[in-house]
Amino acid sequence: MAVQGEEHGRADALRNRAALLDAAADVLAVAPQASLSEVATRAGLGRATLYRHFENRDALRAAIRTEALSRASAALAGAGLPECDTHEGIRRAAAVLVPLGMRFRILLTEGADNDEDFLAARNEALEPLFGVLVRGVANGELSRSANPAWLGLVLAGMLMSAVRAAGAGLIDPDRAGDLVANAFVSGFGPR
């Protein structure tokens, strides 16, 4: 049986970890080489607290990756992708993934795309979106000659480009879902 003080300590630890991850996402998105001290300061916590949760920069980055994938998985699960047509599924997916990409855009600059473990976890998180592409090819909403796995890579690239463009102020993040879906379906729709 947990003692009330232990429960309070555990709640504080969870709150501190969440604050550190949020601060790291904010700080590192703007300044990827920022110090861990800057992250702790942004979170309103001390460096010692940061190091109790993350032993080094690599551990913090790994936690950011895990958090980003967890949020992406949850967002896609709640987007209702199985119930809609291909265009709407891509639009919904992009509408939830681009803001998350903006939040965790440090992943675009740190080379996570070269980490096989990250890519496997990312593919698992994006499985509902890949299902939309497979279904779209099978039912003719996308070109039947297109390989769904390749379409997934193209769409992932478009989503990353949308995140970068929104971060640079070139497109409105709130419209990114529509822009990506329209361009993708126009380019790969049936002929």
C-alpha atoms as a PDB file:
ATOM      1  CA  MET A   1       0.000   0.000   0.000  1.00  0.00           C
ATOM      2  CA  ALA A   2       1.391   3.383  -1.051  1.00  0.00           C
ATOM      3  CA  VAL A   3       1.836   6.080   1.538  1.00  0.00           C
ATOM      4  CA  GLN A   4       0.202   9.410   0.725  1.00  0.00           C
ATOM      5  CA  GLY A   5       3.578  11.169   0.604  1.00  0.00           C
ATOM      6  CA  GLU A   6       4.862   8.592  -1.871  1.00  0.00           C
ATOM      7  CA  GLU A   7       1.827   9.155  -4.100  1.00  0.00           C
ATOM      8  CA  HIS A   8       2.437  12.913  -3.974  1.00  0.00           C
ATOM      9  CA  GLY A   9       6.128  12.371  -4.809  1.00  0.00           C
ATOM     10  CA  ARG A  10       5.213  10.133  -7.733  1.00  0.00           C
ATOM     11  CA  ALA A  11       2.721  12.714  -9.036  1.00  0.00           C
ATOM     12  CA  ASP A  12       5.406  15.409  -8.759  1.00  0.00           C
ATOM     13  CA  ALA A  13       7.887  13.215 -10.625  1.00  0.00           C
ATOM     14  CA  LEU A  14       5.389  12.585 -13.437  1.00  0.00           C
ATOM     15  CA  ARG A  15       4.531  16.278 -13.622  1.00  0.00           C
ATOM     16  CA  ASN A  16       8.235  17.221 -13.704  1.00  0.00           C
ATOM     17  CA  ARG A  17       8.967  14.692 -16.442  1.00  0.00           C
ATOM     18  CA  ALA A  18       6.084  16.013 -18.547  1.00  0.00           C
ATOM     19  CA  ALA A  19       7.240  19.606 -17.995  1.00  0.00           C
ATOM     20  CA  LEU A  20      10.780  18.679 -19.038  1.00  0.00           C
ATOM     21  CA  LEU A  21       9.578  16.932 -22.201  1.00  0.00           C
ATOM     22  CA  ASP A  22       7.366  19.891 -23.123  1.00  0.00           C
ATOM     23  CA  ALA A  23      10.192  22.338 -22.470  1.00  0.00           C
ATOM     24  CA  ALA A  24      12.651  20.223 -24.444  1.00  0.00           C
ATOM     25  CA  ALA A  25      10.272  20.064 -27.409  1.00  0.00           C
ATOM     26  CA  ASP A  26       9.870  23.854 -27.302  1.00  0.00           C
ATOM     27  CA  VAL A  27      13.512  24.756 -26.776  1.00  0.00           C
ATOM     28  CA  LEU A  28      15.090  22.201 -29.091  1.00  0.00           C
ATOM     29  CA  ALA A  29      12.638  22.927 -31.916  1.00  0.00           C
ATOM     30  CA  VAL A  30      13.939  26.493 -32.020  1.00  0.00           C
ATOM     31  CA  ALA A  31      17.556  25.850 -31.006  1.00  0.00           C
ATOM     32  CA  PRO A  32      18.566  22.190 -31.514  1.00  0.00           C
ATOM     33  CA  GLN A  33      21.937  22.751 -29.840  1.00  0.00           C
ATOM     34  CA  ALA A  34      20.483  24.420 -26.733  1.00  0.00           C
ATOM     35  CA  SER A  35      21.927  23.233 -23.454  1.00  0.00           C
ATOM     36  CA  LEU A  36      20.114  20.962 -21.062  1.00  0.00           C
ATOM     37  CA  SER A  37      20.320  23.819 -18.561  1.00  0.00           C
ATOM     38  CA  GLU A  38      18.182  25.891 -20.940  1.00  0.00           C
ATOM     39  CA  VAL A  39      15.654  23.065 -21.092  1.00  0.00           C
ATOM     40  CA  ALA A  40      15.516  22.813 -17.285  1.00  0.00           C
ATOM     41  CA  THR A  41      15.152  26.583 -16.954  1.00  0.00           C
ATOM     42  CA  ARG A  42      12.313  26.627 -19.500  1.00  0.00           C
ATOM     43  CA  ALA A  43      10.565  23.892 -17.504  1.00  0.00           C
ATOM     44  CA  GLY A  44      10.973  25.919 -14.322  1.00  0.00           C
ATOM     45  CA  LEU A  45      13.096  23.174 -12.794  1.00  0.00           C
ATOM     46  CA  GLY A  46      16.710  22.698 -11.836  1.00  0.00           C
ATOM     47  CA  ARG A  47      19.354  20.803 -13.774  1.00  0.00           C
ATOM     48  CA  ALA A  48      19.486  18.179 -11.043  1.00  0.00           C
ATOM     49  CA  THR A  49      15.798  17.413 -11.612  1.00  0.00           C
ATOM     50  CA  LEU A  50      16.410  17.090 -15.335  1.00  0.00           C
ATOM     51  CA  TYR A  51      19.284  14.674 -14.748  1.00  0.00           C
ATOM     52  CA  ARG A  52      17.160  12.581 -12.356  1.00  0.00           C
ATOM     53  CA  HIS A  53      14.799  11.951 -15.276  1.00  0.00           C
ATOM     54  CA  PHE A  54      17.222  11.927 -18.219  1.00  0.00           C
ATOM     55  CA  GLU A  55      20.840  10.952 -17.671  1.00  0.00           C
ATOM     56  CA  ASN A  56      22.012  12.812 -20.779  1.00  0.00           C
ATOM     57  CA  ARG A  57      20.957  14.513 -24.000  1.00  0.00           C
ATOM     58  CA  ASP A  58      20.523  11.172 -25.803  1.00  0.00           C
ATOM     59  CA  ALA A  59      18.132   9.908 -23.123  1.00  0.00           C
ATOM     60  CA  LEU A  60      16.110  13.127 -23.406  1.00  0.00           C
ATOM     61  CA  ARG A  61      15.952  12.835 -27.200  1.00  0.00           C
ATOM     62  CA  ALA A  62      14.882   9.197 -26.923  1.00  0.00           C
ATOM     63  CA  ALA A  63      12.097  10.224 -24.542  1.00  0.00           C
ATOM     64  CA  ILE A  64      10.997  12.945 -26.977  1.00  0.00           C
ATOM     65  CA  ARG A  65      10.840  10.344 -29.771  1.00  0.00           C
ATOM     66  CA  THR A  66       8.771   8.013 -27.604  1.00  0.00           C
ATOM     67  CA  GLU A  67       6.428  10.828 -26.577  1.00  0.00           C
ATOM     68  CA  ALA A  68       5.990  12.019 -30.169  1.00  0.00           C
ATOM     69  CA  LEU A  69       5.178   8.524 -31.418  1.00  0.00           C
ATOM     70  CA  SER A  70       2.796   7.883 -28.555  1.00  0.00           C
ATOM     71  CA  ARG A  71       0.917  11.102 -29.285  1.00  0.00           C
ATOM     72  CA  ALA A  72       0.856  10.379 -33.033  1.00  0.00           C
ATOM     73  CA  SER A  73      -0.515   6.897 -32.422  1.00  0.00           C
ATOM     74  CA  ALA A  74      -3.222   8.230 -30.112  1.00  0.00           C
ATOM     75  CA  ALA A  75      -4.124  11.040 -32.526  1.00  0.00           C
ATOM     76  CA  LEU A  76      -4.478   8.673 -35.464  1.00  0.00           C
ATOM     77  CA  ALA A  77      -6.487   6.210 -33.384  1.00  0.00           C
ATOM     78  CA  GLY A  78      -8.926   9.010 -32.580  1.00  0.00           C
ATOM     79  CA  ALA A  79      -9.130  10.390 -36.135  1.00  0.00           C
ATOM     80  CA  GLY A  80     -11.736   7.887 -37.367  1.00  0.00           C
ATOM     81  CA  LEU A  81      -9.650   6.760 -40.344  1.00  0.00           C
ATOM     82  CA  PRO A  82     -11.417   3.410 -40.895  1.00  0.00           C
ATOM     83  CA  GLU A  83     -14.771   5.155 -41.412  1.00  0.00           C
ATOM     84  CA  CYS A  84     -13.832   7.578 -44.186  1.00  0.00           C
ATOM     85  CA  ASP A  85     -12.755   7.618 -47.810  1.00  0.00           C
ATOM     86  CA  THR A  86      -9.107   7.942 -48.806  1.00  0.00           C
ATOM     87  CA  HIS A  87      -9.064  11.706 -49.344  1.00  0.00           C
ATOM     88  CA  GLU A  88     -10.768  12.387 -46.030  1.00  0.00           C
ATOM     89  CA  GLY A  89      -8.547   9.867 -44.239  1.00  0.00           C
ATOM     90  CA  ILE A  90      -5.397  11.540 -45.514  1.00  0.00           C
ATOM     91  CA  ARG A  91      -6.810  14.971 -44.650  1.00  0.00           C
ATOM     92  CA  ARG A  92      -7.684  13.872 -41.113  1.00  0.00           C
ATOM     93  CA  ALA A  93      -4.327  12.209 -40.604  1.00  0.00           C
ATOM     94  CA  ALA A  94      -2.428  15.249 -41.853  1.00  0.00           C
ATOM     95  CA  ALA A  95      -4.612  17.545 -39.746  1.00  0.00           C
ATOM     96  CA  VAL A  96      -3.535  15.743 -36.558  1.00  0.00           C
ATOM     97  CA  LEU A  97       0.037  14.860 -37.564  1.00  0.00           C
ATOM     98  CA  VAL A  98       1.243  18.263 -38.797  1.00  0.00           C
ATOM     99  CA  PRO A  99       0.604  20.021 -35.458  1.00  0.00           C
ATOM    100  CA  LEU A 100       2.362  17.151 -33.682  1.00  0.00           C
ATOM    101  CA  GLY A 101       5.208  17.442 -36.156  1.00  0.00           C
ATOM    102  CA  MET A 102       5.404  21.146 -35.368  1.00  0.00           C
ATOM    103  CA  ARG A 103       5.523  20.332 -31.684  1.00  0.00           C
ATOM    104  CA  PHE A 104       8.220  17.702 -32.084  1.00  0.00           C
ATOM    105  CA  ARG A 105      10.079  19.107 -35.083  1.00  0.00           C
ATOM    106  CA  ILE A 106      13.383  18.497 -33.338  1.00  0.00           C
ATOM    107  CA  LEU A 107      12.966  14.951 -34.672  1.00  0.00           C
ATOM    108  CA  LEU A 108      13.291  16.329 -38.207  1.00  0.00           C
ATOM    109  CA  THR A 109      16.644  17.927 -37.449  1.00  0.00           C
ATOM    110  CA  GLU A 110      18.279  15.259 -35.324  1.00  0.00           C
ATOM    111  CA  GLY A 111      18.447  12.478 -37.888  1.00  0.00           C
ATOM    112  CA  ALA A 112      15.765  10.220 -36.417  1.00  0.00           C
ATOM    113  CA  ASP A 113      15.029   9.109 -39.988  1.00  0.00           C
ATOM    114  CA  ASN A 114      18.321   7.202 -39.924  1.00  0.00           C
ATOM    115  CA  ASP A 115      17.512   5.256 -36.749  1.00  0.00           C
ATOM    116  CA  GLU A 116      16.067   1.838 -37.647  1.00  0.00           C
ATOM    117  CA  ASP A 117      14.377   1.410 -34.262  1.00  0.00           C
ATOM    118  CA  PHE A 118      12.719   4.812 -34.575  1.00  0.00           C
ATOM    119  CA  LEU A 119      11.578   4.089 -38.123  1.00  0.00           C
ATOM    120  CA  ALA A 120      10.051   0.760 -37.065  1.00  0.00           C
ATOM    121  CA  ALA A 121       8.220   2.449 -34.177  1.00  0.00           C
ATOM    122  CA  ARG A 122       7.113   5.280 -36.495  1.00  0.00           C
ATOM    123  CA  ASN A 123       5.727   2.797 -39.009  1.00  0.00           C
ATOM    124  CA  GLU A 124       3.808   1.062 -36.245  1.00  0.00           C
ATOM    125  CA  ALA A 125       2.355   4.388 -35.060  1.00  0.00           C
ATOM    126  CA  LEU A 126       1.403   5.314 -38.637  1.00  0.00           C
ATOM    127  CA  GLU A 127      -0.202   1.937 -39.397  1.00  0.00           C
ATOM    128  CA  PRO A 128      -3.762   3.381 -39.437  1.00  0.00           C
ATOM    129  CA  LEU A 129      -2.665   5.880 -42.099  1.00  0.00           C
ATOM    130  CA  PHE A 130      -0.937   3.184 -44.133  1.00  0.00           C
ATOM    131  CA  GLY A 131      -4.190   1.227 -43.927  1.00  0.00           C
ATOM    132  CA  VAL A 132      -5.957   4.152 -45.624  1.00  0.00           C
ATOM    133  CA  LEU A 133      -3.430   3.988 -48.475  1.00  0.00           C
ATOM    134  CA  VAL A 134      -3.780   0.216 -48.916  1.00  0.00           C
ATOM    135  CA  ARG A 135      -7.564   0.583 -48.929  1.00  0.00           C
ATOM    136  CA  GLY A 136      -7.350   3.519 -51.365  1.00  0.00           C
ATOM    137  CA  VAL A 137      -5.296   1.514 -53.867  1.00  0.00           C
ATOM    138  CA  ALA A 138      -7.522  -1.556 -53.482  1.00  0.00           C
ATOM    139  CA  ASN A 139     -10.774   0.337 -54.059  1.00  0.00           C
ATOM    140  CA  GLY A 140      -9.436   2.540 -56.864  1.00  0.00           C
ATOM    141  CA  GLU A 141      -9.445   5.858 -54.989  1.00  0.00           C
ATOM    142  CA  LEU A 142      -5.678   5.892 -55.564  1.00  0.00           C
ATOM    143  CA  SER A 143      -3.886   4.610 -58.642  1.00  0.00           C
ATOM    144  CA  ARG A 144      -4.026   0.828 -58.675  1.00  0.00           C
ATOM    145  CA  SER A 145      -0.519   0.755 -60.146  1.00  0.00           C
ATOM    146  CA  ALA A 146       0.960   2.522 -57.095  1.00  0.00           C
ATOM    147  CA  ASN A 147       2.680   0.473 -54.415  1.00  0.00           C
ATOM    148  CA  PRO A 148       1.059   1.399 -51.063  1.00  0.00           C
ATOM    149  CA  ALA A 149       4.391   1.130 -49.233  1.00  0.00           C
ATOM    150  CA  TRP A 150       5.926   3.646 -51.626  1.00  0.00           C
ATOM    151  CA  LEU A 151       2.870   5.885 -51.279  1.00  0.00           C
ATOM    152  CA  GLY A 152       3.444   5.800 -47.516  1.00  0.00           C
ATOM    153  CA  LEU A 153       6.993   7.056 -47.973  1.00  0.00           C
ATOM    154  CA  VAL A 154       5.819   9.820 -50.303  1.00  0.00           C
ATOM    155  CA  LEU A 155       3.089  10.863 -47.895  1.00  0.00           C
ATOM    156  CA  ALA A 156       5.509  10.862 -44.952  1.00  0.00           C
ATOM    157  CA  GLY A 157       7.798  13.117 -46.974  1.00  0.00           C
ATOM    158  CA  MET A 158       4.922  15.457 -47.768  1.00  0.00           C
ATOM    159  CA  LEU A 159       3.952  15.600 -44.096  1.00  0.00           C
ATOM    160  CA  MET A 160       7.534  16.429 -43.084  1.00  0.00           C
ATOM    161  CA  SER A 161       7.660  19.120 -45.775  1.00  0.00           C
ATOM    162  CA  ALA A 162       4.393  20.552 -44.489  1.00  0.00           C
ATOM    163  CA  VAL A 163       5.808  20.690 -40.959  1.00  0.00           C
ATOM    164  CA  ARG A 164       8.926  22.475 -42.199  1.00  0.00           C
ATOM    165  CA  ALA A 165       6.889  24.874 -44.339  1.00  0.00           C
ATOM    166  CA  ALA A 166       4.490  25.652 -41.488  1.00  0.00           C
ATOM    167  CA  GLY A 167       7.438  26.185 -39.140  1.00  0.00           C
ATOM    168  CA  ALA A 168       8.932  28.649 -41.639  1.00  0.00           C
ATOM    169  CA  GLY A 169       5.596  30.469 -41.987  1.00  0.00           C
ATOM    170  CA  LEU A 170       5.134  29.414 -45.618  1.00  0.00           C
ATOM    171  CA  ILE A 171       1.800  27.695 -45.015  1.00  0.00           C
ATOM    172  CA  ASP A 172      -0.880  27.951 -42.368  1.00  0.00           C
ATOM    173  CA  PRO A 173      -0.553  24.920 -40.039  1.00  0.00           C
ATOM    174  CA  ASP A 174      -4.340  24.792 -39.727  1.00  0.00           C
ATOM    175  CA  ARG A 175      -4.632  24.320 -43.492  1.00  0.00           C
ATOM    176  CA  ALA A 176      -1.792  21.832 -43.851  1.00  0.00           C
ATOM    177  CA  GLY A 177      -4.118  18.818 -43.688  1.00  0.00           C
ATOM    178  CA  ASP A 178      -6.159  20.051 -46.637  1.00  0.00           C
ATOM    179  CA  LEU A 179      -3.079  21.075 -48.623  1.00  0.00           C
ATOM    180  CA  VAL A 180      -1.342  17.728 -48.170  1.00  0.00           C
ATOM    181  CA  ALA A 181      -4.477  15.665 -48.853  1.00  0.00           C
ATOM    182  CA  ASN A 182      -5.408  17.636 -51.969  1.00  0.00           C
ATOM    183  CA  ALA A 183      -1.892  17.466 -53.413  1.00  0.00           C
ATOM    184  CA  PHE A 184      -1.486  13.783 -52.587  1.00  0.00           C
ATOM    185  CA  VAL A 185      -4.837  12.625 -53.938  1.00  0.00           C
ATOM    186  CA  SER A 186      -4.506  14.853 -57.025  1.00  0.00           C
ATOM    187  CA  GLY A 187      -1.093  13.393 -57.754  1.00  0.00           C
ATOM    188  CA  PHE A 188      -1.912   9.758 -57.047  1.00  0.00           C
ATOM    189  CA  GLY A 189      -5.611   9.552 -57.795  1.00  0.00           C
ATOM    190  CA  PRO A 190      -6.914   7.211 -60.489  1.00  0.00           C
ATOM    191  CA  ARG A 191      -6.217   8.179 -64.080  1.00  0.00           C
END
